[in-house]
Amino acid sequence: MGSNGEILNKNRDYTLDEVKKAADELNKLFKDKSTYVEYEVYGKSKSITIKILDNKTKEIVKEIPPRKLIDMVDKLCELAGIFVDKRA
């Protein structure tokens, strides 16, 4: 997974494979806990979101970044004309 400096580097783009490996490592750490980690590609911007879920209820305990934030950014980009209509 890398050093803490690599984990905290906010200016770096992460590949889907790196996110999958990180989620797998976190699940190993959470093995004896009541939670587990999933990732998802979400929204028009295809943003990666990490979710911590409860083992029993499957409820989302924490989501980073929250879907609402991704939805807001996607909508702002749409209003600004950043997303191109595929029919055009």
PDB file of N, CA and C in Angstrom:
ATOM      1  N   MET A   1       0.821  -1.181   0.000  1.00  0.00           N
ATOM      2  CA  MET A   1       0.000   0.000   0.000  1.00  0.00           C
ATOM      3  C   MET A   1       0.862   1.240   0.000  1.00  0.00           C
ATOM      4  N   GLY A   2       2.068   1.189   0.502  1.00  0.00           N
ATOM      5  CA  GLY A   2       2.940   2.350   0.441  1.00  0.00           C
ATOM      6  C   GLY A   2       3.096   3.022   1.779  1.00  0.00           C
ATOM      7  N   SER A   3       3.893   4.062   1.771  1.00  0.00           N
ATOM      8  CA  SER A   3       4.153   4.807   2.997  1.00  0.00           C
ATOM      9  C   SER A   3       2.990   5.732   3.311  1.00  0.00           C
ATOM     10  N   ASN A   4       2.970   6.244   4.550  1.00  0.00           N
ATOM     11  CA  ASN A   4       1.916   7.180   4.937  1.00  0.00           C
ATOM     12  C   ASN A   4       1.933   8.415   4.061  1.00  0.00           C
ATOM     13  N   GLY A   5       3.109   8.861   3.650  1.00  0.00           N
ATOM     14  CA  GLY A   5       3.198  10.016   2.764  1.00  0.00           C
ATOM     15  C   GLY A   5       2.479   9.773   1.456  1.00  0.00           C
ATOM     16  N   GLU A   6       2.594   8.558   0.950  1.00  0.00           N
ATOM     17  CA  GLU A   6       1.913   8.215  -0.304  1.00  0.00           C
ATOM     18  C   GLU A   6       0.404   8.165  -0.096  1.00  0.00           C
ATOM     19  N   ILE A   7      -0.017   7.623   1.036  1.00  0.00           N
ATOM     20  CA  ILE A   7      -1.440   7.520   1.323  1.00  0.00           C
ATOM     21  C   ILE A   7      -2.066   8.905   1.440  1.00  0.00           C
ATOM     22  N   LEU A   8      -1.342   9.847   2.026  1.00  0.00           N
ATOM     23  CA  LEU A   8      -1.889  11.169   2.286  1.00  0.00           C
ATOM     24  C   LEU A   8      -1.671  12.154   1.148  1.00  0.00           C
ATOM     25  N   ASN A   9      -1.023  11.742   0.072  1.00  0.00           N
ATOM     26  CA  ASN A   9      -0.751  12.641  -1.045  1.00  0.00           C
ATOM     27  C   ASN A   9      -2.045  12.919  -1.800  1.00  0.00           C
ATOM     28  N   LYS A  10      -2.600  14.097  -1.586  1.00  0.00           N
ATOM     29  CA  LYS A  10      -3.893  14.447  -2.178  1.00  0.00           C
ATOM     30  C   LYS A  10      -3.774  14.913  -3.624  1.00  0.00           C
ATOM     31  N   ASN A  11      -2.575  15.159  -4.098  1.00  0.00           N
ATOM     32  CA  ASN A  11      -2.379  15.659  -5.459  1.00  0.00           C
ATOM     33  C   ASN A  11      -2.139  14.533  -6.453  1.00  0.00           C
ATOM     34  N   ARG A  12      -2.288  13.302  -6.044  1.00  0.00           N
ATOM     35  CA  ARG A  12      -1.985  12.159  -6.882  1.00  0.00           C
ATOM     36  C   ARG A  12      -3.290  11.494  -7.318  1.00  0.00           C
ATOM     37  N   ASP A  13      -3.353  11.085  -8.571  1.00  0.00           N
ATOM     38  CA  ASP A  13      -4.490  10.307  -9.052  1.00  0.00           C
ATOM     39  C   ASP A  13      -4.184   8.836  -8.809  1.00  0.00           C
ATOM     40  N   TYR A  14      -5.179   8.098  -8.365  1.00  0.00           N
ATOM     41  CA  TYR A  14      -5.004   6.682  -8.072  1.00  0.00           C
ATOM     42  C   TYR A  14      -5.725   5.848  -9.115  1.00  0.00           C
ATOM     43  N   THR A  15      -5.099   4.749  -9.508  1.00  0.00           N
ATOM     44  CA  THR A  15      -5.733   3.847 -10.462  1.00  0.00           C
ATOM     45  C   THR A  15      -6.759   2.987  -9.727  1.00  0.00           C
ATOM     46  N   LEU A  16      -7.672   2.423 -10.479  1.00  0.00           N
ATOM     47  CA  LEU A  16      -8.681   1.544  -9.896  1.00  0.00           C
ATOM     48  C   LEU A  16      -8.017   0.338  -9.233  1.00  0.00           C
ATOM     49  N   ASP A  17      -6.935  -0.155  -9.827  1.00  0.00           N
ATOM     50  CA  ASP A  17      -6.210  -1.286  -9.257  1.00  0.00           C
ATOM     51  C   ASP A  17      -5.604  -0.915  -7.897  1.00  0.00           C
ATOM     52  N   GLU A  18      -5.057   0.296  -7.782  1.00  0.00           N
ATOM     53  CA  GLU A  18      -4.497   0.743  -6.506  1.00  0.00           C
ATOM     54  C   GLU A  18      -5.584   0.870  -5.444  1.00  0.00           C
ATOM     55  N   VAL A  19      -6.743   1.356  -5.840  1.00  0.00           N
ATOM     56  CA  VAL A  19      -7.861   1.487  -4.900  1.00  0.00           C
ATOM     57  C   VAL A  19      -8.328   0.107  -4.449  1.00  0.00           C
ATOM     58  N   LYS A  20      -8.406  -0.846  -5.385  1.00  0.00           N
ATOM     59  CA  LYS A  20      -8.809  -2.215  -5.042  1.00  0.00           C
ATOM     60  C   LYS A  20      -7.829  -2.820  -4.049  1.00  0.00           C
ATOM     61  N   LYS A  21      -6.530  -2.646  -4.299  1.00  0.00           N
ATOM     62  CA  LYS A  21      -5.516  -3.184  -3.388  1.00  0.00           C
ATOM     63  C   LYS A  21      -5.622  -2.538  -2.009  1.00  0.00           C
ATOM     64  N   ALA A  22      -5.850  -1.235  -1.975  1.00  0.00           N
ATOM     65  CA  ALA A  22      -5.992  -0.530  -0.697  1.00  0.00           C
ATOM     66  C   ALA A  22      -7.216  -1.043   0.061  1.00  0.00           C
ATOM     67  N   ALA A  23      -8.331  -1.249  -0.644  1.00  0.00           N
ATOM     68  CA  ALA A  23      -9.545  -1.772  -0.009  1.00  0.00           C
ATOM     69  C   ALA A  23      -9.302  -3.176   0.536  1.00  0.00           C
ATOM     70  N   ASP A  24      -8.586  -4.000  -0.220  1.00  0.00           N
ATOM     71  CA  ASP A  24      -8.256  -5.355   0.243  1.00  0.00           C
ATOM     72  C   ASP A  24      -7.409  -5.308   1.513  1.00  0.00           C
ATOM     73  N   GLU A  25      -6.421  -4.406   1.536  1.00  0.00           N
ATOM     74  CA  GLU A  25      -5.563  -4.254   2.717  1.00  0.00           C
ATOM     75  C   GLU A  25      -6.374  -3.783   3.923  1.00  0.00           C
ATOM     76  N   LEU A  26      -7.263  -2.832   3.708  1.00  0.00           N
ATOM     77  CA  LEU A  26      -8.107  -2.347   4.804  1.00  0.00           C
ATOM     78  C   LEU A  26      -9.020  -3.454   5.318  1.00  0.00           C
ATOM     79  N   ASN A  27      -9.548  -4.265   4.423  1.00  0.00           N
ATOM     80  CA  ASN A  27     -10.410  -5.372   4.854  1.00  0.00           C
ATOM     81  C   ASN A  27      -9.639  -6.391   5.680  1.00  0.00           C
ATOM     82  N   LYS A  28      -8.349  -6.580   5.376  1.00  0.00           N
ATOM     83  CA  LYS A  28      -7.515  -7.454   6.209  1.00  0.00           C
ATOM     84  C   LYS A  28      -7.384  -6.867   7.611  1.00  0.00           C
ATOM     85  N   LEU A  29      -7.190  -5.548   7.687  1.00  0.00           N
ATOM     86  CA  LEU A  29      -7.079  -4.884   8.989  1.00  0.00           C
ATOM     87  C   LEU A  29      -8.397  -4.929   9.757  1.00  0.00           C
ATOM     88  N   PHE A  30      -9.520  -4.827   9.039  1.00  0.00           N
ATOM     89  CA  PHE A  30     -10.844  -4.809   9.655  1.00  0.00           C
ATOM     90  C   PHE A  30     -11.410  -6.215   9.873  1.00  0.00           C
ATOM     91  N   LYS A  31     -10.624  -7.240   9.583  1.00  0.00           N
ATOM     92  CA  LYS A  31     -11.103  -8.620   9.608  1.00  0.00           C
ATOM     93  C   LYS A  31     -11.861  -8.967  10.895  1.00  0.00           C
ATOM     94  N   ASP A  32     -11.350  -8.545  12.026  1.00  0.00           N
ATOM     95  CA  ASP A  32     -11.983  -8.865  13.306  1.00  0.00           C
ATOM     96  C   ASP A  32     -12.908  -7.757  13.799  1.00  0.00           C
ATOM     97  N   LYS A  33     -13.185  -6.793  12.969  1.00  0.00           N
ATOM     98  CA  LYS A  33     -14.054  -5.670  13.335  1.00  0.00           C
ATOM     99  C   LYS A  33     -15.457  -5.914  12.794  1.00  0.00           C
ATOM    100  N   SER A  34     -16.347  -4.999  13.089  1.00  0.00           N
ATOM    101  CA  SER A  34     -17.735  -5.148  12.643  1.00  0.00           C
ATOM    102  C   SER A  34     -17.998  -4.409  11.333  1.00  0.00           C
ATOM    103  N   THR A  35     -16.921  -3.993  10.647  1.00  0.00           N
ATOM    104  CA  THR A  35     -17.070  -3.248   9.397  1.00  0.00           C
ATOM    105  C   THR A  35     -16.175  -3.826   8.306  1.00  0.00           C
ATOM    106  N   TYR A  36     -16.480  -3.435   7.077  1.00  0.00           N
ATOM    107  CA  TYR A  36     -15.632  -3.784   5.942  1.00  0.00           C
ATOM    108  C   TYR A  36     -15.654  -2.634   4.946  1.00  0.00           C
ATOM    109  N   VAL A  37     -14.738  -2.676   3.989  1.00  0.00           N
ATOM    110  CA  VAL A  37     -14.553  -1.579   3.038  1.00  0.00           C
ATOM    111  C   VAL A  37     -14.926  -2.039   1.635  1.00  0.00           C
ATOM    112  N   GLU A  38     -15.620  -1.167   0.906  1.00  0.00           N
ATOM    113  CA  GLU A  38     -15.906  -1.358  -0.518  1.00  0.00           C
ATOM    114  C   GLU A  38     -15.556  -0.076  -1.250  1.00  0.00           C
ATOM    115  N   TYR A  39     -15.318  -0.190  -2.540  1.00  0.00           N
ATOM    116  CA  TYR A  39     -15.117   0.996  -3.371  1.00  0.00           C
ATOM    117  C   TYR A  39     -16.101   0.922  -4.525  1.00  0.00           C
ATOM    118  N   GLU A  40     -16.349   2.082  -5.112  1.00  0.00           N
ATOM    119  CA  GLU A  40     -17.303   2.146  -6.217  1.00  0.00           C
ATOM    120  C   GLU A  40     -16.916   3.299  -7.139  1.00  0.00           C
ATOM    121  N   VAL A  41     -17.066   3.091  -8.433  1.00  0.00           N
ATOM    122  CA  VAL A  41     -16.928   4.177  -9.398  1.00  0.00           C
ATOM    123  C   VAL A  41     -18.327   4.747  -9.557  1.00  0.00           C
ATOM    124  N   TYR A  42     -18.459   6.065  -9.327  1.00  0.00           N
ATOM    125  CA  TYR A  42     -19.794   6.653  -9.212  1.00  0.00           C
ATOM    126  C   TYR A  42     -19.895   7.960  -9.985  1.00  0.00           C
ATOM    127  N   GLY A  43     -21.052   8.209 -10.540  1.00  0.00           N
ATOM    128  CA  GLY A  43     -21.378   9.490 -11.156  1.00  0.00           C
ATOM    129  C   GLY A  43     -20.855   9.651 -12.570  1.00  0.00           C
ATOM    130  N   LYS A  44     -21.280  10.757 -13.192  1.00  0.00           N
ATOM    131  CA  LYS A  44     -20.846  11.072 -14.555  1.00  0.00           C
ATOM    132  C   LYS A  44     -19.343  11.291 -14.623  1.00  0.00           C
ATOM    133  N   SER A  45     -18.777  11.779 -13.521  1.00  0.00           N
ATOM    134  CA  SER A  45     -17.342  12.052 -13.477  1.00  0.00           C
ATOM    135  C   SER A  45     -16.528  10.793 -13.218  1.00  0.00           C
ATOM    136  N   LYS A  46     -17.221   9.678 -12.988  1.00  0.00           N
ATOM    137  CA  LYS A  46     -16.579   8.396 -12.698  1.00  0.00           C
ATOM    138  C   LYS A  46     -15.607   8.522 -11.523  1.00  0.00           C
ATOM    139  N   SER A  47     -16.086   9.176 -10.479  1.00  0.00           N
ATOM    140  CA  SER A  47     -15.295   9.361  -9.267  1.00  0.00           C
ATOM    141  C   SER A  47     -15.285   8.074  -8.453  1.00  0.00           C
ATOM    142  N   ILE A  48     -14.179   7.833  -7.769  1.00  0.00           N
ATOM    143  CA  ILE A  48     -14.081   6.667  -6.903  1.00  0.00           C
ATOM    144  C   ILE A  48     -14.494   7.079  -5.504  1.00  0.00           C
ATOM    145  N   THR A  49     -15.408   6.322  -4.926  1.00  0.00           N
ATOM    146  CA  THR A  49     -15.831   6.561  -3.555  1.00  0.00           C
ATOM    147  C   THR A  49     -15.525   5.310  -2.732  1.00  0.00           C
ATOM    148  N   ILE A  50     -15.058   5.522  -1.519  1.00  0.00           N
ATOM    149  CA  ILE A  50     -14.746   4.437  -0.598  1.00  0.00           C
ATOM    150  C   ILE A  50     -15.842   4.408   0.458  1.00  0.00           C
ATOM    151  N   LYS A  51     -16.384   3.219   0.712  1.00  0.00           N
ATOM    152  CA  LYS A  51     -17.455   3.080   1.699  1.00  0.00           C
ATOM    153  C   LYS A  51     -17.017   2.126   2.801  1.00  0.00           C
ATOM    154  N   ILE A  52     -17.306   2.498   4.035  1.00  0.00           N
ATOM    155  CA  ILE A  52     -17.135   1.608   5.178  1.00  0.00           C
ATOM    156  C   ILE A  52     -18.537   1.161   5.569  1.00  0.00           C
ATOM    157  N   LEU A  53     -18.760  -0.147   5.552  1.00  0.00           N
ATOM    158  CA  LEU A  53     -20.093  -0.697   5.795  1.00  0.00           C
ATOM    159  C   LEU A  53     -20.117  -1.579   7.036  1.00  0.00           C
ATOM    160  N   ASP A  54     -21.275  -1.648   7.669  1.00  0.00           N
ATOM    161  CA  ASP A  54     -21.497  -2.518   8.817  1.00  0.00           C
ATOM    162  C   ASP A  54     -21.673  -3.950   8.307  1.00  0.00           C
ATOM    163  N   ASN A  55     -20.963  -4.900   8.919  1.00  0.00           N
ATOM    164  CA  ASN A  55     -21.036  -6.301   8.484  1.00  0.00           C
ATOM    165  C   ASN A  55     -22.442  -6.881   8.561  1.00  0.00           C
ATOM    166  N   LYS A  56     -23.167  -6.563   9.618  1.00  0.00           N
ATOM    167  CA  LYS A  56     -24.485  -7.174   9.828  1.00  0.00           C
ATOM    168  C   LYS A  56     -25.577  -6.507   9.006  1.00  0.00           C
ATOM    169  N   THR A  57     -25.653  -5.191   9.070  1.00  0.00           N
ATOM    170  CA  THR A  57     -26.760  -4.470   8.430  1.00  0.00           C
ATOM    171  C   THR A  57     -26.465  -4.049   6.996  1.00  0.00           C
ATOM    172  N   LYS A  58     -25.193  -4.080   6.617  1.00  0.00           N
ATOM    173  CA  LYS A  58     -24.731  -3.621   5.292  1.00  0.00           C
ATOM    174  C   LYS A  58     -24.977  -2.126   5.093  1.00  0.00           C
ATOM    175  N   GLU A  59     -25.285  -1.413   6.180  1.00  0.00           N
ATOM    176  CA  GLU A  59     -25.470   0.040   6.122  1.00  0.00           C
ATOM    177  C   GLU A  59     -24.133   0.733   5.956  1.00  0.00           C
ATOM    178  N   ILE A  60     -24.148   1.851   5.223  1.00  0.00           N
ATOM    179  CA  ILE A  60     -22.935   2.646   5.055  1.00  0.00           C
ATOM    180  C   ILE A  60     -22.683   3.420   6.343  1.00  0.00           C
ATOM    181  N   VAL A  61     -21.518   3.173   6.953  1.00  0.00           N
ATOM    182  CA  VAL A  61     -21.114   3.874   8.165  1.00  0.00           C
ATOM    183  C   VAL A  61     -20.450   5.192   7.789  1.00  0.00           C
ATOM    184  N   LYS A  62     -19.607   5.142   6.743  1.00  0.00           N
ATOM    185  CA  LYS A  62     -18.879   6.325   6.272  1.00  0.00           C
ATOM    186  C   LYS A  62     -18.634   6.161   4.783  1.00  0.00           C
ATOM    187  N   GLU A  63     -18.694   7.276   4.067  1.00  0.00           N
ATOM    188  CA  GLU A  63     -18.448   7.269   2.625  1.00  0.00           C
ATOM    189  C   GLU A  63     -17.559   8.459   2.297  1.00  0.00           C
ATOM    190  N   ILE A  64     -16.456   8.190   1.599  1.00  0.00           N
ATOM    191  CA  ILE A  64     -15.488   9.242   1.291  1.00  0.00           C
ATOM    192  C   ILE A  64     -15.177   9.213  -0.200  1.00  0.00           C
ATOM    193  N   PRO A  65     -15.402  10.266  -0.958  1.00  0.00           N
ATOM    194  CA  PRO A  65     -16.252  11.402  -0.628  1.00  0.00           C
ATOM    195  C   PRO A  65     -17.712  10.969  -0.688  1.00  0.00           C
ATOM    196  N   PRO A  66     -18.581  11.690   0.000  1.00  0.00           N
ATOM    197  CA  PRO A  66     -20.006  11.335  -0.021  1.00  0.00           C
ATOM    198  C   PRO A  66     -20.594  11.450  -1.429  1.00  0.00           C
ATOM    199  N   ARG A  67     -21.544  10.581  -1.758  1.00  0.00           N
ATOM    200  CA  ARG A  67     -22.203  10.616  -3.071  1.00  0.00           C
ATOM    201  C   ARG A  67     -22.837  11.972  -3.344  1.00  0.00           C
ATOM    202  N   LYS A  68     -23.396  12.587  -2.305  1.00  0.00           N
ATOM    203  CA  LYS A  68     -24.031  13.899  -2.490  1.00  0.00           C
ATOM    204  C   LYS A  68     -23.025  14.922  -3.006  1.00  0.00           C
ATOM    205  N   LEU A  69     -21.792  14.844  -2.528  1.00  0.00           N
ATOM    206  CA  LEU A  69     -20.747  15.762  -2.988  1.00  0.00           C
ATOM    207  C   LEU A  69     -20.409  15.487  -4.453  1.00  0.00           C
ATOM    208  N   ILE A  70     -20.290  14.217  -4.811  1.00  0.00           N
ATOM    209  CA  ILE A  70     -20.007  13.857  -6.204  1.00  0.00           C
ATOM    210  C   ILE A  70     -21.153  14.317  -7.104  1.00  0.00           C
ATOM    211  N   ASP A  71     -22.396  14.106  -6.653  1.00  0.00           N
ATOM    212  CA  ASP A  71     -23.558  14.557  -7.428  1.00  0.00           C
ATOM    213  C   ASP A  71     -23.523  16.065  -7.645  1.00  0.00           C
ATOM    214  N   MET A  72     -23.148  16.803  -6.595  1.00  0.00           N
ATOM    215  CA  MET A  72     -23.086  18.259  -6.691  1.00  0.00           C
ATOM    216  C   MET A  72     -22.012  18.691  -7.698  1.00  0.00           C
ATOM    217  N   VAL A  73     -20.836  18.077  -7.625  1.00  0.00           N
ATOM    218  CA  VAL A  73     -19.753  18.408  -8.555  1.00  0.00           C
ATOM    219  C   VAL A  73     -20.162  18.053  -9.981  1.00  0.00           C
ATOM    220  N   ASP A  74     -20.781  16.886 -10.164  1.00  0.00           N
ATOM    221  CA  ASP A  74     -21.243  16.484 -11.498  1.00  0.00           C
ATOM    222  C   ASP A  74     -22.248  17.489 -12.054  1.00  0.00           C
ATOM    223  N   LYS A  75     -23.170  17.943 -11.215  1.00  0.00           N
ATOM    224  CA  LYS A  75     -24.186  18.908 -11.651  1.00  0.00           C
ATOM    225  C   LYS A  75     -23.539  20.244 -12.016  1.00  0.00           C
ATOM    226  N   LEU A  76     -22.580  20.700 -11.205  1.00  0.00           N
ATOM    227  CA  LEU A  76     -21.882  21.952 -11.512  1.00  0.00           C
ATOM    228  C   LEU A  76     -21.109  21.838 -12.827  1.00  0.00           C
ATOM    229  N   CYS A  77     -20.476  20.689 -13.046  1.00  0.00           N
ATOM    230  CA  CYS A  77     -19.753  20.475 -14.304  1.00  0.00           C
ATOM    231  C   CYS A  77     -20.717  20.451 -15.482  1.00  0.00           C
ATOM    232  N   GLU A  78     -21.878  19.850 -15.273  1.00  0.00           N
ATOM    233  CA  GLU A  78     -22.901  19.815 -16.327  1.00  0.00           C
ATOM    234  C   GLU A  78     -23.364  21.230 -16.656  1.00  0.00           C
ATOM    235  N   LEU A  79     -23.613  22.015 -15.630  1.00  0.00           N
ATOM    236  CA  LEU A  79     -24.046  23.398 -15.841  1.00  0.00           C
ATOM    237  C   LEU A  79     -22.965  24.227 -16.529  1.00  0.00           C
ATOM    238  N   ALA A  80     -21.721  23.919 -16.239  1.00  0.00           N
ATOM    239  CA  ALA A  80     -20.608  24.643 -16.849  1.00  0.00           C
ATOM    240  C   ALA A  80     -20.297  24.119 -18.250  1.00  0.00           C
ATOM    241  N   GLY A  81     -20.958  23.035 -18.656  1.00  0.00           N
ATOM    242  CA  GLY A  81     -20.759  22.494 -19.996  1.00  0.00           C
ATOM    243  C   GLY A  81     -19.534  21.615 -20.132  1.00  0.00           C
ATOM    244  N   ILE A  82     -19.052  21.079 -19.019  1.00  0.00           N
ATOM    245  CA  ILE A  82     -17.854  20.242 -19.082  1.00  0.00           C
ATOM    246  C   ILE A  82     -18.174  18.859 -19.634  1.00  0.00           C
ATOM    247  N   PHE A  83     -19.329  18.300 -19.259  1.00  0.00           N
ATOM    248  CA  PHE A  83     -19.722  17.000 -19.795  1.00  0.00           C
ATOM    249  C   PHE A  83     -20.320  17.212 -21.177  1.00  0.00           C
ATOM    250  N   VAL A  84     -19.879  16.422 -22.132  1.00  0.00           N
ATOM    251  CA  VAL A  84     -20.335  16.569 -23.509  1.00  0.00           C
ATOM    252  C   VAL A  84     -21.452  15.569 -23.767  1.00  0.00           C
ATOM    253  N   ASP A  85     -22.503  16.040 -24.396  1.00  0.00           N
ATOM    254  CA  ASP A  85     -23.613  15.177 -24.763  1.00  0.00           C
ATOM    255  C   ASP A  85     -23.141  14.233 -25.862  1.00  0.00           C
ATOM    256  N   LYS A  86     -23.282  12.933 -25.655  1.00  0.00           N
ATOM    257  CA  LYS A  86     -22.793  11.942 -26.609  1.00  0.00           C
ATOM    258  C   LYS A  86     -23.572  11.957 -27.918  1.00  0.00           C
ATOM    259  N   ARG A  87     -24.757  12.547 -27.933  1.00  0.00           N
ATOM    260  CA  ARG A  87     -25.554  12.604 -29.162  1.00  0.00           C
ATOM    261  C   ARG A  87     -25.031  13.669 -30.116  1.00  0.00           C
ATOM    262  N   ALA A  88     -24.279  14.612 -29.613  1.00  0.00           N
ATOM    263  CA  ALA A  88     -23.805  15.731 -30.444  1.00  0.00           C
ATOM    264  C   ALA A  88     -22.708  15.307 -31.387  1.00  0.00           C
TER     265      ALA A  88
END
